[in-house]
Amino acid sequence: MLLNRKITRRAHDDFFTPLAGPRRRSEGPRSEAVAVICQLFYPELVSTGQTLTELVEELASRGLKIEVIAAQPSMARSSKPVAPRMNHNGIAIRRTWSTRFPKTSFSGKLLNATTFFLTATWEVLRRHGNEQLILVTNPPFLPLLGSFCHRLRGQVFGVILFDIMPEQAELLNFIKANGLLARIWRRLNHSWYRRAAYAVALSHDMLEGALKNANLVGSPDELPCRAKTRIIHIWSDDRLINPIPKALSLEVRRLGVADQFVVQYSGNHGRFHDIETLLAIAKTFVGDGRFVFQFIGEGQKKEKVDSDFNSARPAGIYSSTYVPKPLLRDSLAMADLGVVAQMPGQESVCYPSKLLGIMAAGRAVLAICSPNCEMARMILQHQLGWVIRNGDIAGGRRALLEAVSDRPRVARMGANASRLLRERLTLAKAAEAYHELILKYQ
């Protein structure tokens, strides 16, 4: 069913919300420096790596001395290793060794994450005994390093929750729901959450998912853990991505799509993205010269896109790899409508950063997701675009027919999206919230 009714639920006007209650502060050595430990970082093309790079660059520009411990970039399929030591915009980056198996293989991805975790642990234990540690849930068990360092030497650490495990792994059928591994994982989450100086969730949905996946709901530790968790919404750097007319896009001219309605999915084609619904909708428009569907990026489901259309690619279907960051503004300007697609249940375990890129570019949104999630409510409340349920092919088709027949309405939605982002969801606003939080524990 197409969802475009007026929303009457609680307004989500405060995207950077500290939760009330006392904060517990870990005791231990203090330093003005900060060590950020993450698997994905510059010059990574995967959205998590780009998003974190933007944040760390902004924090460094505000005076924080930051060293990043990261793995080699995964980037595209045939990417080559980069230098193990580099300085990027005032940030010292140290690459530790890890395997580099294809990310499309679950076993390969797990080995990559595990080997990075081990070498990053050794690096932190050897060289980073005094700094505040900031750990990202990529790999998802990385917060255990912070918990270990806290127990070993009272080190202060915070966690940025980009993904919530083990529920995400359960939803994807990687592990048995509530099986032995999932139960152990939740106990370990409980342990690090109690010891962390702070945690950051990207949405209210993810906050509840984080507490649930740490066995905190209903426990004596729930209130103090809620109190030290800050909700800081995901962002986009509006200085790099801003609205430009479609006609000025170089890619529009190259592809010759100026007069067609471009529906664009740009970003990771991961297991938790509902590429299947979008593909099914696109197939219903094959032969309709009004539309062009673009699938830009990489990931496990990219093979499905290419296999569906490779043998006899119909007109109006376009597939390509990741767009380098300097070209992203021009690429997003090709779209009349940007697509965000989440599998059911994912709203409590992750938040799609690609939504913010679409908004920064001043484009309307088609969201394929649960209608009850925070993202859907924001899109409908602020009239940013359309929301359809997963698998609702007819609803998606109706939405696109509405859009192509009323382009002024689509333009107004894009303007609404740009305005909302620049009022509340910029990189500068997010960095200010992170900076304040980090300094509190220096």
Protein backbone atom coordinates (compact mmCIF):
# COMPACT_ATOMS: atom_id res chain seq x y z
CA MET A 1 0.00 0.00 0.00
CA LEU A 2 1.32 3.45 -0.89
CA LEU A 3 1.79 5.51 2.25
CA ASN A 4 1.35 9.25 1.86
CA ARG A 5 -1.05 10.04 4.68
CA LYS A 6 -0.44 12.88 7.11
CA ILE A 7 1.56 11.77 10.15
CA THR A 8 0.16 12.47 13.59
CA ARG A 9 2.70 10.56 15.67
CA ARG A 10 5.33 12.23 17.87
CA ALA A 11 7.38 14.71 15.86
CA HIS A 12 11.05 13.86 15.49
CA ASP A 13 12.29 17.41 15.53
CA ASP A 14 15.28 16.90 17.83
CA PHE A 15 17.79 14.70 16.05
CA PHE A 16 20.63 15.32 18.50
CA THR A 17 19.08 14.31 21.81
CA PRO A 18 20.96 13.57 25.02
CA LEU A 19 19.00 11.18 27.22
CA ALA A 20 18.34 12.33 30.75
CA GLY A 21 19.98 10.69 33.74
CA PRO A 22 23.34 10.43 35.48
CA ARG A 23 26.48 9.65 33.51
CA ARG A 24 29.13 7.32 34.88
CA ARG A 25 32.66 8.33 34.07
CA SER A 26 35.43 5.76 33.92
CA GLU A 27 38.53 6.56 35.95
CA GLY A 28 41.93 6.14 34.34
CA PRO A 29 44.74 7.96 32.59
CA ARG A 30 43.81 11.06 30.62
CA SER A 31 45.26 12.43 27.40
CA GLU A 32 44.30 15.16 24.97
CA ALA A 33 44.71 12.66 22.11
CA VAL A 34 42.00 10.38 20.78
CA ALA A 35 42.44 7.03 19.06
CA VAL A 36 39.70 5.99 16.63
CA ILE A 37 39.60 2.28 15.83
CA CYS A 38 37.58 1.27 12.79
CA GLN A 39 37.92 -1.20 9.96
CA LEU A 40 36.80 1.20 7.21
CA PHE A 41 38.41 4.61 6.71
CA TYR A 42 39.79 6.93 4.00
CA PRO A 43 40.12 6.34 1.07
CA GLU A 44 37.30 3.84 1.53
CA LEU A 45 34.32 4.09 -0.86
CA VAL A 46 31.91 2.06 1.30
CA SER A 47 29.48 4.49 2.94
CA THR A 48 30.44 3.65 6.55
CA GLY A 49 34.07 4.47 5.82
CA GLN A 50 33.23 7.71 4.05
CA THR A 51 30.84 8.78 6.79
CA LEU A 52 33.35 8.16 9.56
CA THR A 53 36.13 9.87 7.60
CA GLU A 54 34.00 13.02 7.30
CA LEU A 55 33.35 13.02 11.05
CA VAL A 56 37.00 12.53 12.02
CA GLU A 57 38.13 15.23 9.57
CA GLU A 58 35.69 17.66 11.14
CA LEU A 59 36.77 16.74 14.69
CA ALA A 60 40.44 17.18 13.76
CA SER A 61 39.64 20.62 12.35
CA ARG A 62 38.24 21.51 15.78
CA GLY A 63 41.57 20.83 17.45
CA LEU A 64 41.42 17.19 18.50
CA LYS A 65 44.62 15.22 17.99
CA ILE A 66 43.44 12.01 16.36
CA GLU A 67 45.13 8.83 15.24
CA VAL A 68 43.05 6.32 13.31
CA ILE A 69 43.78 2.60 13.36
CA ALA A 70 42.13 1.04 10.32
CA ALA A 71 42.36 -1.83 7.86
CA GLN A 72 43.28 -1.57 4.21
CA PRO A 73 40.37 -0.12 2.21
CA SER A 74 38.09 -2.64 0.53
CA MET A 75 36.81 -0.10 -2.01
CA ALA A 76 35.99 -1.68 -5.37
CA ARG A 77 36.57 -5.24 -6.54
CA SER A 78 40.19 -4.88 -7.64
CA SER A 79 41.46 -2.15 -5.32
CA LYS A 80 45.15 -2.11 -4.41
CA PRO A 81 46.59 -1.61 -0.90
CA VAL A 82 47.45 1.90 0.20
CA ALA A 83 50.42 3.04 2.30
CA PRO A 84 50.37 1.61 5.85
CA ARG A 85 51.15 5.06 7.28
CA MET A 86 49.67 8.30 6.02
CA ASN A 87 48.56 11.71 7.17
CA HIS A 88 45.23 12.89 5.82
CA ASN A 89 43.97 16.38 6.62
CA GLY A 90 45.82 16.38 9.94
CA ILE A 91 44.78 12.85 10.86
CA ALA A 92 47.45 10.19 11.40
CA ILE A 93 46.28 6.91 9.86
CA ARG A 94 47.94 3.61 10.76
CA ARG A 95 46.92 0.53 8.77
CA THR A 96 47.20 -2.80 10.52
CA TRP A 97 47.41 -6.06 8.63
CA SER A 98 44.29 -8.06 7.88
CA THR A 99 43.10 -10.48 5.25
CA ARG A 100 41.41 -8.96 2.19
CA PHE A 101 38.96 -11.58 1.00
CA PRO A 102 35.99 -10.42 -1.11
CA LYS A 103 33.32 -8.73 1.03
CA THR A 104 30.59 -10.55 -0.87
CA SER A 105 31.59 -13.78 0.90
CA PHE A 106 30.36 -14.05 4.50
CA SER A 107 33.28 -16.24 5.55
CA GLY A 108 35.71 -13.87 3.84
CA LYS A 109 34.13 -10.84 5.50
CA LEU A 110 34.31 -12.58 8.90
CA LEU A 111 37.99 -13.45 8.41
CA ASN A 112 38.77 -9.88 7.37
CA ALA A 113 37.04 -8.53 10.47
CA THR A 114 38.64 -11.05 12.83
CA THR A 115 42.20 -10.53 11.60
CA PHE A 116 41.76 -6.75 11.78
CA PHE A 117 40.40 -7.05 15.33
CA LEU A 118 43.45 -9.05 16.42
CA THR A 119 46.04 -6.74 14.86
CA ALA A 120 44.19 -3.60 16.00
CA THR A 121 44.11 -4.99 19.55
CA TRP A 122 47.88 -5.51 19.46
CA GLU A 123 48.37 -1.97 18.14
CA VAL A 124 46.22 -0.40 20.86
CA LEU A 125 47.88 -2.39 23.63
CA ARG A 126 51.35 -1.42 22.39
CA ARG A 127 50.91 2.22 21.50
CA HIS A 128 47.68 3.69 22.86
CA GLY A 129 47.58 3.31 26.61
CA ASN A 130 46.50 6.85 27.54
CA GLU A 131 44.20 8.07 24.78
CA GLN A 132 40.44 7.99 24.88
CA LEU A 133 39.39 5.19 22.55
CA ILE A 134 36.52 5.64 20.10
CA LEU A 135 35.37 2.35 18.64
CA VAL A 136 32.93 1.75 15.80
CA THR A 137 30.81 -1.38 15.45
CA ASN A 138 32.63 -2.33 12.27
CA PRO A 139 33.66 -5.05 12.91
CA PRO A 140 30.72 -5.59 15.27
CA PHE A 141 32.80 -7.12 18.09
CA LEU A 142 35.27 -4.20 18.17
CA PRO A 143 33.75 -2.69 21.37
CA LEU A 144 35.17 -5.70 23.24
CA LEU A 145 38.60 -4.14 22.73
CA GLY A 146 37.44 -1.06 24.65
CA SER A 147 36.01 -3.21 27.43
CA PHE A 148 39.27 -5.15 27.70
CA CYS A 149 41.40 -1.98 27.86
CA HIS A 150 39.07 -0.52 30.47
CA ARG A 151 39.40 -3.59 32.68
CA LEU A 152 43.14 -3.85 32.10
CA ARG A 153 44.14 -0.22 32.67
CA GLY A 154 41.03 1.86 33.34
CA GLN A 155 41.04 3.31 29.83
CA VAL A 156 38.14 5.53 28.78
CA PHE A 157 36.28 4.42 25.68
CA GLY A 158 33.15 5.31 23.73
CA VAL A 159 31.28 3.35 21.08
CA ILE A 160 29.55 4.58 17.91
CA LEU A 161 26.77 2.15 17.03
CA PHE A 162 26.63 2.02 13.24
CA ASP A 163 25.24 -1.53 13.39
CA ILE A 164 23.49 -3.49 16.13
CA MET A 165 24.49 -7.11 16.57
CA PRO A 166 23.60 -9.95 16.93
CA GLU A 167 20.07 -9.04 15.80
CA GLN A 168 21.24 -7.98 12.36
CA ALA A 169 23.01 -11.32 11.91
CA GLU A 170 19.86 -13.11 13.08
CA LEU A 171 17.68 -11.18 10.62
CA LEU A 172 20.01 -12.19 7.79
CA ASN A 173 20.03 -15.82 8.96
CA PHE A 174 23.79 -15.79 9.49
CA ILE A 175 23.29 -17.16 12.99
CA LYS A 176 20.42 -18.95 14.69
CA ALA A 177 17.93 -16.60 16.31
CA ASN A 178 18.47 -16.70 20.09
CA GLY A 179 20.92 -19.55 19.63
CA LEU A 180 24.01 -20.11 21.75
CA LEU A 181 26.16 -17.68 19.74
CA ALA A 182 23.49 -14.98 19.87
CA ARG A 183 23.07 -15.38 23.64
CA ILE A 184 26.82 -15.17 24.25
CA TRP A 185 27.03 -12.14 21.99
CA ARG A 186 24.32 -10.32 23.94
CA ARG A 187 26.10 -11.02 27.23
CA LEU A 188 29.31 -9.58 25.81
CA ASN A 189 27.36 -6.52 24.63
CA HIS A 190 26.03 -6.14 28.17
CA SER A 191 29.58 -6.24 29.51
CA TRP A 192 31.08 -3.58 27.23
CA TYR A 193 28.00 -1.32 27.45
CA ARG A 194 28.30 -1.15 31.24
CA ARG A 195 31.98 -0.22 31.04
CA ALA A 196 31.78 2.31 28.19
CA ALA A 197 31.97 5.98 29.16
CA TYR A 198 29.35 6.68 26.48
CA ALA A 199 27.64 5.23 23.44
CA VAL A 200 26.17 6.93 20.39
CA ALA A 201 23.10 5.63 18.56
CA LEU A 202 22.00 7.00 15.18
CA SER A 203 18.26 6.98 15.89
CA HIS A 204 15.66 6.27 18.55
CA ASP A 205 14.94 2.93 16.85
CA MET A 206 18.62 1.99 17.09
CA LEU A 207 18.81 3.04 20.74
CA GLU A 208 16.06 0.57 21.60
CA GLY A 209 17.76 -2.07 19.45
CA ALA A 210 21.08 -1.50 21.22
CA LEU A 211 19.58 -1.88 24.68
CA LYS A 212 17.68 -4.99 23.62
CA ASN A 213 20.78 -6.57 22.07
CA ALA A 214 22.77 -5.98 25.24
CA ASN A 215 20.15 -7.63 27.50
CA LEU A 216 19.70 -4.28 29.23
CA VAL A 217 15.93 -3.83 28.91
CA GLY A 218 14.39 -4.47 32.30
CA SER A 219 17.75 -4.96 34.00
CA PRO A 220 19.20 -2.80 36.82
CA ASP A 221 21.72 -1.46 34.28
CA GLU A 222 19.11 -0.18 31.82
CA LEU A 223 18.68 3.33 33.23
CA PRO A 224 22.39 4.17 33.61
CA CYS A 225 23.11 2.81 30.13
CA ARG A 226 20.25 4.84 28.65
CA ALA A 227 21.59 7.88 30.45
CA LYS A 228 25.05 7.60 28.92
CA THR A 229 23.76 6.99 25.39
CA ARG A 230 23.52 9.99 23.09
CA ILE A 231 21.40 10.02 19.95
CA ILE A 232 23.30 11.82 17.20
CA HIS A 233 21.62 11.46 13.83
CA ILE A 234 23.63 10.44 10.79
CA TRP A 235 24.63 13.37 8.59
CA SER A 236 25.74 14.55 5.19
CA ASP A 237 28.38 17.15 4.41
CA ASP A 238 26.31 19.81 2.71
CA ARG A 239 29.50 21.67 1.76
CA LEU A 240 30.40 18.83 -0.62
CA ILE A 241 26.93 17.75 -1.73
CA ASN A 242 24.42 20.46 -2.52
CA PRO A 243 21.52 20.82 -4.93
CA ILE A 244 22.37 21.49 -8.55
CA PRO A 245 19.92 21.41 -11.47
CA LYS A 246 19.73 18.06 -13.20
CA ALA A 247 20.55 19.71 -16.52
CA LEU A 248 23.96 20.76 -15.19
CA SER A 249 25.06 17.24 -14.32
CA LEU A 250 27.86 16.02 -16.57
CA GLU A 251 26.62 12.44 -16.16
CA VAL A 252 23.17 13.45 -17.34
CA ARG A 253 24.70 14.75 -20.55
CA ARG A 254 26.96 11.71 -20.96
CA LEU A 255 24.09 9.25 -20.54
CA GLY A 256 21.53 11.35 -22.37
CA VAL A 257 18.85 11.12 -19.65
CA ALA A 258 17.93 14.80 -19.33
CA ASP A 259 14.33 14.22 -20.45
CA GLN A 260 13.76 10.94 -18.61
CA PHE A 261 12.69 10.40 -15.00
CA VAL A 262 15.74 8.96 -13.27
CA VAL A 263 15.18 6.63 -10.29
CA GLN A 264 18.54 6.16 -8.62
CA TYR A 265 19.83 3.69 -6.04
CA SER A 266 23.36 4.80 -5.12
CA GLY A 267 25.45 3.04 -2.47
CA ASN A 268 26.05 -0.33 -0.90
CA HIS A 269 24.03 -3.22 -2.34
CA GLY A 270 24.24 -5.15 0.94
CA ARG A 271 22.36 -8.15 2.26
CA PHE A 272 20.19 -5.90 4.43
CA HIS A 273 19.13 -3.68 1.52
CA ASP A 274 15.87 -4.55 -0.24
CA ILE A 275 17.26 -4.48 -3.76
CA GLU A 276 14.75 -7.18 -4.75
CA THR A 277 11.70 -4.93 -4.40
CA LEU A 278 13.32 -2.14 -6.40
CA LEU A 279 14.37 -4.57 -9.13
CA ALA A 280 10.84 -5.94 -9.34
CA ILE A 281 9.44 -2.41 -9.65
CA ALA A 282 11.98 -1.55 -12.34
CA LYS A 283 11.00 -4.60 -14.38
CA THR A 284 7.40 -3.36 -14.57
CA PHE A 285 8.68 -0.26 -16.39
CA VAL A 286 10.85 -2.02 -18.95
CA GLY A 287 9.92 -0.54 -22.31
CA ASP A 288 8.50 2.64 -20.76
CA GLY A 289 10.80 5.28 -22.19
CA ARG A 290 9.86 7.82 -19.53
CA PHE A 291 11.98 6.08 -16.87
CA VAL A 292 15.62 5.23 -16.23
CA PHE A 293 16.65 3.08 -13.24
CA GLN A 294 20.22 3.42 -11.97
CA PHE A 295 21.97 0.93 -9.65
CA ILE A 296 25.26 2.53 -8.58
CA GLY A 297 27.61 0.83 -6.11
CA GLU A 298 28.82 -2.59 -5.03
CA GLY A 299 27.93 -5.29 -2.53
CA GLN A 300 26.64 -8.82 -2.20
CA LYS A 301 23.39 -8.06 -4.07
CA LYS A 302 25.12 -6.25 -6.92
CA GLU A 303 25.54 -9.65 -8.57
CA LYS A 304 21.77 -10.03 -8.58
CA VAL A 305 21.34 -6.70 -10.34
CA ASP A 306 23.91 -7.59 -12.97
CA SER A 307 22.70 -11.17 -13.46
CA ASP A 308 19.11 -10.03 -13.91
CA PHE A 309 20.03 -7.62 -16.70
CA ASN A 310 23.45 -8.68 -17.99
CA SER A 311 22.43 -11.13 -20.67
CA ALA A 312 19.96 -8.79 -22.35
CA ARG A 313 20.03 -5.47 -20.56
CA PRO A 314 16.85 -3.60 -21.43
CA ALA A 315 16.88 0.09 -22.20
CA GLY A 316 16.35 2.17 -19.10
CA ILE A 317 18.44 0.02 -16.73
CA TYR A 318 21.87 1.33 -15.79
CA SER A 319 24.42 -0.38 -13.50
CA SER A 320 27.86 0.89 -12.45
CA THR A 321 30.35 0.70 -9.61
CA TYR A 322 30.91 3.13 -6.74
CA VAL A 323 31.27 6.82 -7.57
CA PRO A 324 34.44 8.49 -6.20
CA LYS A 325 33.60 11.07 -3.57
CA PRO A 326 34.62 14.11 -5.66
CA LEU A 327 32.10 13.02 -8.33
CA LEU A 328 29.27 12.12 -5.96
CA ARG A 329 27.59 15.54 -6.13
CA ASP A 330 27.34 15.32 -9.91
CA SER A 331 26.15 11.71 -9.79
CA LEU A 332 23.38 12.39 -7.25
CA ALA A 333 22.24 15.34 -9.38
CA MET A 334 21.28 12.86 -12.13
CA ALA A 335 18.39 11.60 -10.05
CA ASP A 336 14.83 12.84 -10.02
CA LEU A 337 14.11 10.41 -7.20
CA GLY A 338 16.64 8.75 -4.87
CA VAL A 339 15.90 5.33 -3.40
CA VAL A 340 16.55 3.98 0.11
CA ALA A 341 15.72 0.30 0.63
CA GLN A 342 15.87 -1.57 3.95
CA MET A 343 14.89 -5.17 4.64
CA PRO A 344 12.21 -5.64 7.34
CA GLY A 345 13.50 -5.28 10.89
CA GLN A 346 16.66 -3.40 9.90
CA GLU A 347 15.37 -0.10 11.29
CA SER A 348 16.39 -1.14 14.83
CA VAL A 349 19.90 -2.29 13.87
CA CYS A 350 21.16 0.28 11.32
CA TYR A 351 20.32 3.60 9.64
CA PRO A 352 20.83 4.18 5.89
CA SER A 353 23.33 6.99 5.44
CA LYS A 354 22.45 7.15 1.73
CA LEU A 355 19.22 8.92 2.71
CA LEU A 356 21.23 11.94 3.84
CA GLY A 357 23.14 12.12 0.56
CA ILE A 358 19.84 12.17 -1.33
CA MET A 359 18.56 14.94 0.94
CA ALA A 360 21.77 16.97 0.61
CA ALA A 361 21.42 16.79 -3.18
CA GLY A 362 17.90 18.21 -2.88
CA ARG A 363 16.16 15.15 -4.31
CA ALA A 364 12.89 13.49 -3.36
CA VAL A 365 13.02 10.03 -1.77
CA LEU A 366 11.40 6.68 -2.39
CA ALA A 367 11.85 4.61 0.79
CA ILE A 368 11.24 0.85 0.76
CA CYS A 369 10.97 -0.03 4.44
CA SER A 370 8.67 -0.57 7.41
CA PRO A 371 6.11 2.27 7.54
CA ASN A 372 6.51 2.42 11.32
CA CYS A 373 10.22 3.16 11.43
CA GLU A 374 11.71 6.52 12.32
CA MET A 375 13.00 7.12 8.80
CA ALA A 376 9.55 6.56 7.27
CA ARG A 377 7.91 8.88 9.76
CA MET A 378 10.43 11.64 9.00
CA ILE A 379 9.95 11.28 5.22
CA LEU A 380 6.17 11.43 5.48
CA GLN A 381 5.93 14.09 8.16
CA HIS A 382 8.22 16.50 6.30
CA GLN A 383 6.92 15.55 2.82
CA LEU A 384 10.27 14.36 1.50
CA GLY A 385 8.89 11.64 -0.78
CA TRP A 386 7.08 8.30 -0.78
CA VAL A 387 7.25 5.27 1.52
CA ILE A 388 6.20 1.79 0.43
CA ARG A 389 6.28 -1.50 2.27
CA ASN A 390 8.78 -4.20 1.40
CA GLY A 391 7.50 -6.28 -1.50
CA ASP A 392 4.79 -3.79 -2.45
CA ILE A 393 5.46 -3.74 -6.19
CA ALA A 394 2.07 -2.23 -7.05
CA GLY A 395 2.56 0.53 -4.47
CA GLY A 396 6.00 1.31 -5.83
CA ARG A 397 4.65 1.49 -9.36
CA ARG A 398 1.87 3.86 -8.26
CA ALA A 399 4.39 6.07 -6.47
CA LEU A 400 6.57 6.39 -9.56
CA LEU A 401 3.60 7.09 -11.82
CA GLU A 402 2.48 9.82 -9.42
CA ALA A 403 5.99 11.26 -9.41
CA VAL A 404 6.48 11.33 -13.18
CA SER A 405 3.09 12.95 -13.67
CA ASP A 406 3.72 15.71 -11.13
CA ARG A 407 7.32 16.84 -11.38
CA PRO A 408 6.70 20.16 -9.60
CA ARG A 409 5.59 18.13 -6.56
CA VAL A 410 8.77 16.05 -6.78
CA ALA A 411 10.81 19.26 -6.92
CA ARG A 412 9.04 20.59 -3.79
CA MET A 413 9.82 17.35 -1.96
CA GLY A 414 13.47 17.70 -2.93
CA ALA A 415 13.51 21.28 -1.67
CA ASN A 416 11.94 20.11 1.62
CA ALA A 417 14.65 17.47 1.96
CA SER A 418 17.46 19.95 1.34
CA ARG A 419 16.02 22.45 3.79
CA LEU A 420 15.52 19.87 6.56
CA LEU A 421 19.05 18.55 6.18
CA ARG A 422 20.63 22.00 6.29
CA GLU A 423 18.57 22.95 9.33
CA ARG A 424 19.28 19.83 11.41
CA LEU A 425 21.33 17.08 9.79
CA THR A 426 24.62 18.59 8.61
CA LEU A 427 28.07 17.22 9.32
CA ALA A 428 28.92 20.39 11.26
CA LYS A 429 25.98 19.90 13.64
CA ALA A 430 26.80 16.24 14.19
CA ALA A 431 30.49 16.99 14.74
CA GLU A 432 29.62 19.65 17.31
CA ALA A 433 27.63 17.06 19.27
CA TYR A 434 30.44 14.48 19.05
CA HIS A 435 33.07 17.06 20.00
CA GLU A 436 31.15 18.06 23.11
CA LEU A 437 30.74 14.42 24.11
CA ILE A 438 34.41 13.50 23.57
CA LEU A 439 35.68 16.51 25.54
CA LYS A 440 33.46 15.56 28.47
CA TYR A 441 35.58 12.45 28.97
CA GLN A 442 39.05 13.87 28.21
